[in-house]
PDB file of N, CA and C in Angstrom:
ATOM      1  N   MET A   1      -2.796  -4.530 -26.594  1.00  0.00           N
ATOM      2  CA  MET A   1      -3.386  -3.558 -27.471  1.00  0.00           C
ATOM      3  C   MET A   1      -4.267  -2.656 -26.698  1.00  0.00           C
ATOM      4  N   PHE A   2      -4.960  -3.182 -25.757  1.00  0.00           N
ATOM      5  CA  PHE A   2      -5.844  -2.386 -24.934  1.00  0.00           C
ATOM      6  C   PHE A   2      -5.455  -2.255 -23.491  1.00  0.00           C
ATOM      7  N   GLU A   3      -4.057  -2.027 -23.388  1.00  0.00           N
ATOM      8  CA  GLU A   3      -3.544  -2.015 -22.010  1.00  0.00           C
ATOM      9  C   GLU A   3      -4.131  -0.815 -21.210  1.00  0.00           C
ATOM     10  N   PHE A   4      -4.439   0.271 -21.927  1.00  0.00           N
ATOM     11  CA  PHE A   4      -4.993   1.431 -21.208  1.00  0.00           C
ATOM     12  C   PHE A   4      -6.408   1.230 -20.649  1.00  0.00           C
ATOM     13  N   LEU A   5      -7.108   0.149 -20.992  1.00  0.00           N
ATOM     14  CA  LEU A   5      -8.408  -0.237 -20.439  1.00  0.00           C
ATOM     15  C   LEU A   5      -8.288  -1.084 -19.139  1.00  0.00           C
ATOM     16  N   LYS A   6      -7.085  -1.631 -18.872  1.00  0.00           N
ATOM     17  CA  LYS A   6      -6.902  -2.383 -17.668  1.00  0.00           C
ATOM     18  C   LYS A   6      -7.025  -1.562 -16.429  1.00  0.00           C
ATOM     19  N   ARG A   7      -7.648  -2.029 -15.428  1.00  0.00           N
ATOM     20  CA  ARG A   7      -7.813  -1.286 -14.126  1.00  0.00           C
ATOM     21  C   ARG A   7      -6.493  -1.480 -13.403  1.00  0.00           C
ATOM     22  N   ASP A   8      -6.152  -0.399 -12.718  1.00  0.00           N
ATOM     23  CA  ASP A   8      -4.944  -0.317 -11.848  1.00  0.00           C
ATOM     24  C   ASP A   8      -5.313  -1.151 -10.583  1.00  0.00           C
ATOM     25  N   PRO A   9      -4.504  -2.249 -10.365  1.00  0.00           N
ATOM     26  CA  PRO A   9      -4.859  -3.027  -9.151  1.00  0.00           C
ATOM     27  C   PRO A   9      -4.494  -2.272  -7.813  1.00  0.00           C
ATOM     28  N   MET A  10      -3.673  -1.257  -7.925  1.00  0.00           N
ATOM     29  CA  MET A  10      -3.197  -0.550  -6.739  1.00  0.00           C
ATOM     30  C   MET A  10      -4.247   0.487  -6.344  1.00  0.00           C
ATOM     31  N   LYS A  11      -5.010   1.061  -7.274  1.00  0.00           N
ATOM     32  CA  LYS A  11      -5.883   2.103  -6.904  1.00  0.00           C
ATOM     33  C   LYS A  11      -6.852   1.727  -5.764  1.00  0.00           C
ATOM     34  N   LYS A  12      -7.563   0.639  -5.946  1.00  0.00           N
ATOM     35  CA  LYS A  12      -8.543   0.247  -4.915  1.00  0.00           C
ATOM     36  C   LYS A  12      -7.808  -0.033  -3.616  1.00  0.00           C
ATOM     37  N   ARG A  13      -6.690  -0.683  -3.659  1.00  0.00           N
ATOM     38  CA  ARG A  13      -5.907  -0.989  -2.437  1.00  0.00           C
ATOM     39  C   ARG A  13      -5.420   0.321  -1.651  1.00  0.00           C
ATOM     40  N   LYS A  14      -4.997   1.307  -2.509  1.00  0.00           N
ATOM     41  CA  LYS A  14      -4.600   2.573  -1.871  1.00  0.00           C
ATOM     42  C   LYS A  14      -5.739   3.260  -1.166  1.00  0.00           C
ATOM     43  N   LYS A  15      -6.907   3.241  -1.745  1.00  0.00           N
ATOM     44  CA  LYS A  15      -7.961   3.857  -1.167  1.00  0.00           C
ATOM     45  C   LYS A  15      -8.459   3.039   0.079  1.00  0.00           C
ATOM     46  N   GLU A  16      -8.375   1.721   0.039  1.00  0.00           N
ATOM     47  CA  GLU A  16      -8.739   0.934   1.218  1.00  0.00           C
ATOM     48  C   GLU A  16      -7.721   1.196   2.354  1.00  0.00           C
ATOM     49  N   TYR A  17      -6.460   1.303   1.945  1.00  0.00           N
ATOM     50  CA  TYR A  17      -5.391   1.552   2.959  1.00  0.00           C
ATOM     51  C   TYR A  17      -5.610   2.897   3.719  1.00  0.00           C
ATOM     52  N   ALA A  18      -5.946   3.937   2.908  1.00  0.00           N
ATOM     53  CA  ALA A  18      -6.163   5.205   3.532  1.00  0.00           C
ATOM     54  C   ALA A  18      -7.395   5.199   4.381  1.00  0.00           C
ATOM     55  N   ALA A  19      -8.422   4.402   4.044  1.00  0.00           N
ATOM     56  CA  ALA A  19      -9.628   4.288   4.887  1.00  0.00           C
ATOM     57  C   ALA A  19      -9.323   3.573   6.085  1.00  0.00           C
ATOM     58  N   LEU A  20      -8.477   2.585   6.092  1.00  0.00           N
ATOM     59  CA  LEU A  20      -8.111   1.714   7.268  1.00  0.00           C
ATOM     60  C   LEU A  20      -7.336   2.667   8.249  1.00  0.00           C
ATOM     61  N   LEU A  21      -6.385   3.470   7.755  1.00  0.00           N
ATOM     62  CA  LEU A  21      -5.675   4.373   8.626  1.00  0.00           C
ATOM     63  C   LEU A  21      -6.635   5.492   9.233  1.00  0.00           C
ATOM     64  N   GLU A  22      -7.565   5.897   8.475  1.00  0.00           N
ATOM     65  CA  GLU A  22      -8.504   6.884   9.009  1.00  0.00           C
ATOM     66  C   GLU A  22      -9.364   6.322  10.152  1.00  0.00           C
ATOM     67  N   HIS A  23      -9.774   5.070   9.887  1.00  0.00           N
ATOM     68  CA  HIS A  23     -10.622   4.468  11.001  1.00  0.00           C
ATOM     69  C   HIS A  23      -9.782   4.117  12.263  1.00  0.00           C
ATOM     70  N   ALA A  24      -8.502   3.717  12.001  1.00  0.00           N
ATOM     71  CA  ALA A  24      -7.576   3.504  13.077  1.00  0.00           C
ATOM     72  C   ALA A  24      -7.408   4.772  13.908  1.00  0.00           C
ATOM     73  N   MET A  25      -7.219   5.856  13.200  1.00  0.00           N
ATOM     74  CA  MET A  25      -6.985   7.137  13.928  1.00  0.00           C
ATOM     75  C   MET A  25      -8.214   7.518  14.689  1.00  0.00           C
ATOM     76  N   ARG A  26      -9.329   7.265  14.230  1.00  0.00           N
ATOM     77  CA  ARG A  26     -10.605   7.606  14.953  1.00  0.00           C
ATOM     78  C   ARG A  26     -10.770   6.668  16.231  1.00  0.00           C
ATOM     79  N   ALA A  27     -10.443   5.420  16.017  1.00  0.00           N
ATOM     80  CA  ALA A  27     -10.514   4.522  17.105  1.00  0.00           C
ATOM     81  C   ALA A  27      -9.455   4.931  18.192  1.00  0.00           C
ATOM     82  N   GLN A  28      -8.256   5.319  17.869  1.00  0.00           N
ATOM     83  CA  GLN A  28      -7.362   5.654  18.894  1.00  0.00           C
ATOM     84  C   GLN A  28      -7.822   6.952  19.611  1.00  0.00           C
ATOM     85  N   ARG A  29      -8.308   7.946  18.837  1.00  0.00           N
ATOM     86  CA  ARG A  29      -8.771   9.129  19.457  1.00  0.00           C
ATOM     87  C   ARG A  29      -9.994   8.862  20.401  1.00  0.00           C
ATOM     88  N   ALA A  30     -10.763   7.835  20.132  1.00  0.00           N
ATOM     89  CA  ALA A  30     -11.903   7.425  20.891  1.00  0.00           C
ATOM     90  C   ALA A  30     -11.466   6.646  22.202  1.00  0.00           C
ATOM     91  N   GLY A  31     -10.199   6.311  22.201  1.00  0.00           N
ATOM     92  CA  GLY A  31      -9.717   5.506  23.318  1.00  0.00           C
ATOM     93  C   GLY A  31      -9.713   4.048  23.139  1.00  0.00           C
ATOM     94  N   ASN A  32     -10.189   3.624  21.976  1.00  0.00           N
ATOM     95  CA  ASN A  32     -10.275   2.133  21.688  1.00  0.00           C
ATOM     96  C   ASN A  32      -8.991   1.705  21.099  1.00  0.00           C
ATOM     97  N   ILE A  33      -8.007   1.389  21.944  1.00  0.00           N
ATOM     98  CA  ILE A  33      -6.673   1.095  21.519  1.00  0.00           C
ATOM     99  C   ILE A  33      -6.602  -0.366  20.851  1.00  0.00           C
ATOM    100  N   GLU A  34      -7.463  -1.214  21.287  1.00  0.00           N
ATOM    101  CA  GLU A  34      -7.486  -2.577  20.777  1.00  0.00           C
ATOM    102  C   GLU A  34      -7.931  -2.485  19.315  1.00  0.00           C
ATOM    103  N   ARG A  35      -9.031  -1.747  19.122  1.00  0.00           N
ATOM    104  CA  ARG A  35      -9.451  -1.655  17.719  1.00  0.00           C
ATOM    105  C   ARG A  35      -8.528  -0.914  16.743  1.00  0.00           C
ATOM    106  N   TYR A  36      -7.789   0.096  17.422  1.00  0.00           N
ATOM    107  CA  TYR A  36      -6.790   0.760  16.661  1.00  0.00           C
ATOM    108  C   TYR A  36      -5.682  -0.238  16.256  1.00  0.00           C
ATOM    109  N   SER A  37      -5.252  -1.118  17.135  1.00  0.00           N
ATOM    110  CA  SER A  37      -4.241  -2.052  16.875  1.00  0.00           C
ATOM    111  C   SER A  37      -4.663  -2.993  15.709  1.00  0.00           C
ATOM    112  N   GLU A  38      -5.958  -3.411  15.830  1.00  0.00           N
ATOM    113  CA  GLU A  38      -6.423  -4.322  14.797  1.00  0.00           C
ATOM    114  C   GLU A  38      -6.467  -3.635  13.317  1.00  0.00           C
ATOM    115  N   LEU A  39      -6.920  -2.439  13.330  1.00  0.00           N
ATOM    116  CA  LEU A  39      -7.031  -1.674  12.064  1.00  0.00           C
ATOM    117  C   LEU A  39      -5.604  -1.324  11.562  1.00  0.00           C
ATOM    118  N   THR A  40      -4.633  -1.019  12.443  1.00  0.00           N
ATOM    119  CA  THR A  40      -3.295  -0.728  12.013  1.00  0.00           C
ATOM    120  C   THR A  40      -2.679  -2.025  11.420  1.00  0.00           C
ATOM    121  N   LYS A  41      -2.836  -3.100  12.023  1.00  0.00           N
ATOM    122  CA  LYS A  41      -2.290  -4.328  11.557  1.00  0.00           C
ATOM    123  C   LYS A  41      -2.941  -4.735  10.111  1.00  0.00           C
ATOM    124  N   GLN A  42      -4.206  -4.457  10.014  1.00  0.00           N
ATOM    125  CA  GLN A  42      -4.819  -4.676   8.662  1.00  0.00           C
ATOM    126  C   GLN A  42      -4.225  -3.822   7.610  1.00  0.00           C
ATOM    127  N   ALA A  43      -3.942  -2.537   7.977  1.00  0.00           N
ATOM    128  CA  ALA A  43      -3.298  -1.581   7.085  1.00  0.00           C
ATOM    129  C   ALA A  43      -1.934  -1.970   6.693  1.00  0.00           C
ATOM    130  N   GLU A  44      -1.186  -2.482   7.651  1.00  0.00           N
ATOM    131  CA  GLU A  44       0.224  -2.989   7.360  1.00  0.00           C
ATOM    132  C   GLU A  44       0.171  -4.096   6.535  1.00  0.00           C
ATOM    133  N   ASP A  45      -0.726  -5.081   6.741  1.00  0.00           N
ATOM    134  CA  ASP A  45      -0.880  -6.330   5.791  1.00  0.00           C
ATOM    135  C   ASP A  45      -1.192  -5.867   4.383  1.00  0.00           C
ATOM    136  N   LEU A  46      -2.086  -4.891   4.319  1.00  0.00           N
ATOM    137  CA  LEU A  46      -2.462  -4.377   2.927  1.00  0.00           C
ATOM    138  C   LEU A  46      -1.262  -3.728   2.321  1.00  0.00           C
ATOM    139  N   MET A  47      -0.488  -2.941   3.067  1.00  0.00           N
ATOM    140  CA  MET A  47       0.678  -2.320   2.455  1.00  0.00           C
ATOM    141  C   MET A  47       1.633  -3.388   2.021  1.00  0.00           C
ATOM    142  N   HIS A  48       1.847  -4.447   2.756  1.00  0.00           N
ATOM    143  CA  HIS A  48       2.700  -5.505   2.354  1.00  0.00           C
ATOM    144  C   HIS A  48       2.249  -6.120   1.040  1.00  0.00           C
ATOM    145  N   GLU A  49       1.009  -6.364   0.948  1.00  0.00           N
ATOM    146  CA  GLU A  49       0.316  -6.955  -0.255  1.00  0.00           C
ATOM    147  C   GLU A  49       0.612  -5.954  -1.426  1.00  0.00           C
ATOM    148  N   MET A  50       0.460  -4.653  -1.195  1.00  0.00           N
ATOM    149  CA  MET A  50       0.678  -3.697  -2.276  1.00  0.00           C
ATOM    150  C   MET A  50       2.211  -3.686  -2.737  1.00  0.00           C
ATOM    151  N   ASP A  51       3.114  -3.831  -1.791  1.00  0.00           N
ATOM    152  CA  ASP A  51       4.465  -3.933  -2.085  1.00  0.00           C
ATOM    153  C   ASP A  51       4.849  -5.147  -2.964  1.00  0.00           C
ATOM    154  N   GLN A  52       4.195  -6.320  -2.587  1.00  0.00           N
ATOM    155  CA  GLN A  52       4.460  -7.516  -3.520  1.00  0.00           C
ATOM    156  C   GLN A  52       3.776  -7.294  -4.906  1.00  0.00           C
ATOM    157  N   ILE A  53       2.660  -6.581  -4.980  1.00  0.00           N
ATOM    158  CA  ILE A  53       2.046  -6.412  -6.363  1.00  0.00           C
ATOM    159  C   ILE A  53       2.971  -5.514  -7.132  1.00  0.00           C
ATOM    160  N   ALA A  54       3.527  -4.452  -6.476  1.00  0.00           N
ATOM    161  CA  ALA A  54       4.446  -3.520  -7.157  1.00  0.00           C
ATOM    162  C   ALA A  54       5.689  -4.226  -7.625  1.00  0.00           C
ATOM    163  N   ALA A  55       6.190  -5.091  -6.815  1.00  0.00           N
ATOM    164  CA  ALA A  55       7.424  -5.841  -7.116  1.00  0.00           C
ATOM    165  C   ALA A  55       7.120  -6.851  -8.274  1.00  0.00           C
ATOM    166  N   ALA A  56       5.959  -7.358  -8.359  1.00  0.00           N
ATOM    167  CA  ALA A  56       5.576  -8.306  -9.393  1.00  0.00           C
ATOM    168  C   ALA A  56       5.271  -7.622 -10.754  1.00  0.00           C
ATOM    169  N   THR A  57       4.849  -6.401 -10.665  1.00  0.00           N
ATOM    170  CA  THR A  57       4.598  -5.694 -11.913  1.00  0.00           C
ATOM    171  C   THR A  57       5.768  -5.050 -12.562  1.00  0.00           C
ATOM    172  N   GLN A  58       6.888  -4.888 -11.717  1.00  0.00           N
ATOM    173  CA  GLN A  58       8.100  -4.375 -12.281  1.00  0.00           C
ATOM    174  C   GLN A  58       8.713  -5.487 -13.184  1.00  0.00           C
ATOM    175  N   GLY A  59       9.061  -5.085 -14.342  1.00  0.00           N
ATOM    176  CA  GLY A  59       9.827  -6.008 -15.204  1.00  0.00           C
ATOM    177  C   GLY A  59      11.286  -6.038 -14.855  1.00  0.00           C
ATOM    178  N   PRO A  60      12.033  -6.973 -15.455  1.00  0.00           N
ATOM    179  CA  PRO A  60      13.475  -7.011 -15.171  1.00  0.00           C
ATOM    180  C   PRO A  60      14.101  -5.790 -15.705  1.00  0.00           C
ATOM    181  N   GLY A  61      15.028  -5.241 -14.869  1.00  0.00           N
ATOM    182  CA  GLY A  61      15.781  -3.980 -15.310  1.00  0.00           C
ATOM    183  C   GLY A  61      14.886  -2.797 -15.048  1.00  0.00           C
ATOM    184  N   ASP A  62      13.779  -2.887 -14.404  1.00  0.00           N
ATOM    185  CA  ASP A  62      12.916  -1.723 -14.028  1.00  0.00           C
ATOM    186  C   ASP A  62      13.263  -1.224 -12.583  1.00  0.00           C
ATOM    187  N   GLU A  63      14.183  -2.025 -11.952  1.00  0.00           N
ATOM    188  CA  GLU A  63      14.490  -1.648 -10.559  1.00  0.00           C
ATOM    189  C   GLU A  63      15.061  -0.180 -10.479  1.00  0.00           C
ATOM    190  N   ASP A  64      14.727   0.473  -9.424  1.00  0.00           N
ATOM    191  CA  ASP A  64      15.225   1.832  -9.209  1.00  0.00           C
ATOM    192  C   ASP A  64      16.678   1.698  -8.678  1.00  0.00           C
ATOM    193  N   GLN A  65      17.597   2.155  -9.536  1.00  0.00           N
ATOM    194  CA  GLN A  65      19.034   1.994  -9.126  1.00  0.00           C
ATOM    195  C   GLN A  65      19.461   3.127  -8.370  1.00  0.00           C
ATOM    196  N   GLY A  66      18.850   4.212  -8.274  1.00  0.00           N
ATOM    197  CA  GLY A  66      19.214   5.366  -7.440  1.00  0.00           C
ATOM    198  C   GLY A  66      20.425   5.984  -7.962  1.00  0.00           C
ATOM    199  N   MET A  67      21.086   6.863  -7.214  1.00  0.00           N
ATOM    200  CA  MET A  67      22.301   7.529  -7.600  1.00  0.00           C
ATOM    201  C   MET A  67      23.592   6.608  -7.245  1.00  0.00           C
ATOM    202  N   GLY A  68      23.504   5.908  -6.173  1.00  0.00           N
ATOM    203  CA  GLY A  68      24.636   4.956  -5.831  1.00  0.00           C
ATOM    204  C   GLY A  68      25.983   5.651  -5.887  1.00  0.00           C
ATOM    205  N   ASP A  69      26.958   5.002  -6.680  1.00  0.00           N
ATOM    206  CA  ASP A  69      28.242   5.487  -6.824  1.00  0.00           C
ATOM    207  C   ASP A  69      28.464   6.123  -8.142  1.00  0.00           C
ATOM    208  N   ARG A  70      27.534   6.553  -8.794  1.00  0.00           N
ATOM    209  CA  ARG A  70      27.649   7.145 -10.130  1.00  0.00           C
ATOM    210  C   ARG A  70      28.356   8.518  -9.808  1.00  0.00           C
ATOM    211  N   ARG A  71      29.151   8.792 -10.786  1.00  0.00           N
ATOM    212  CA  ARG A  71      29.964  10.071 -10.750  1.00  0.00           C
ATOM    213  C   ARG A  71      30.016  10.723 -12.094  1.00  0.00           C
TER     214      ARG A  71
END
């Protein structure tokens, strides 16, 4: 009934993902490649987590079927 009041679990993660990439870029530009690698790995892990959440929230039959062989 109050579905519209539920918080979007992806919103916070997307913001965190963008921040990690921003920090990684700054570390790379500063020449700190080790820190850049650590932050990029964290961002990739977070993206994987976001993909899992997105897959879990899709109901059966909600998969994107694309155009495929439709004519």
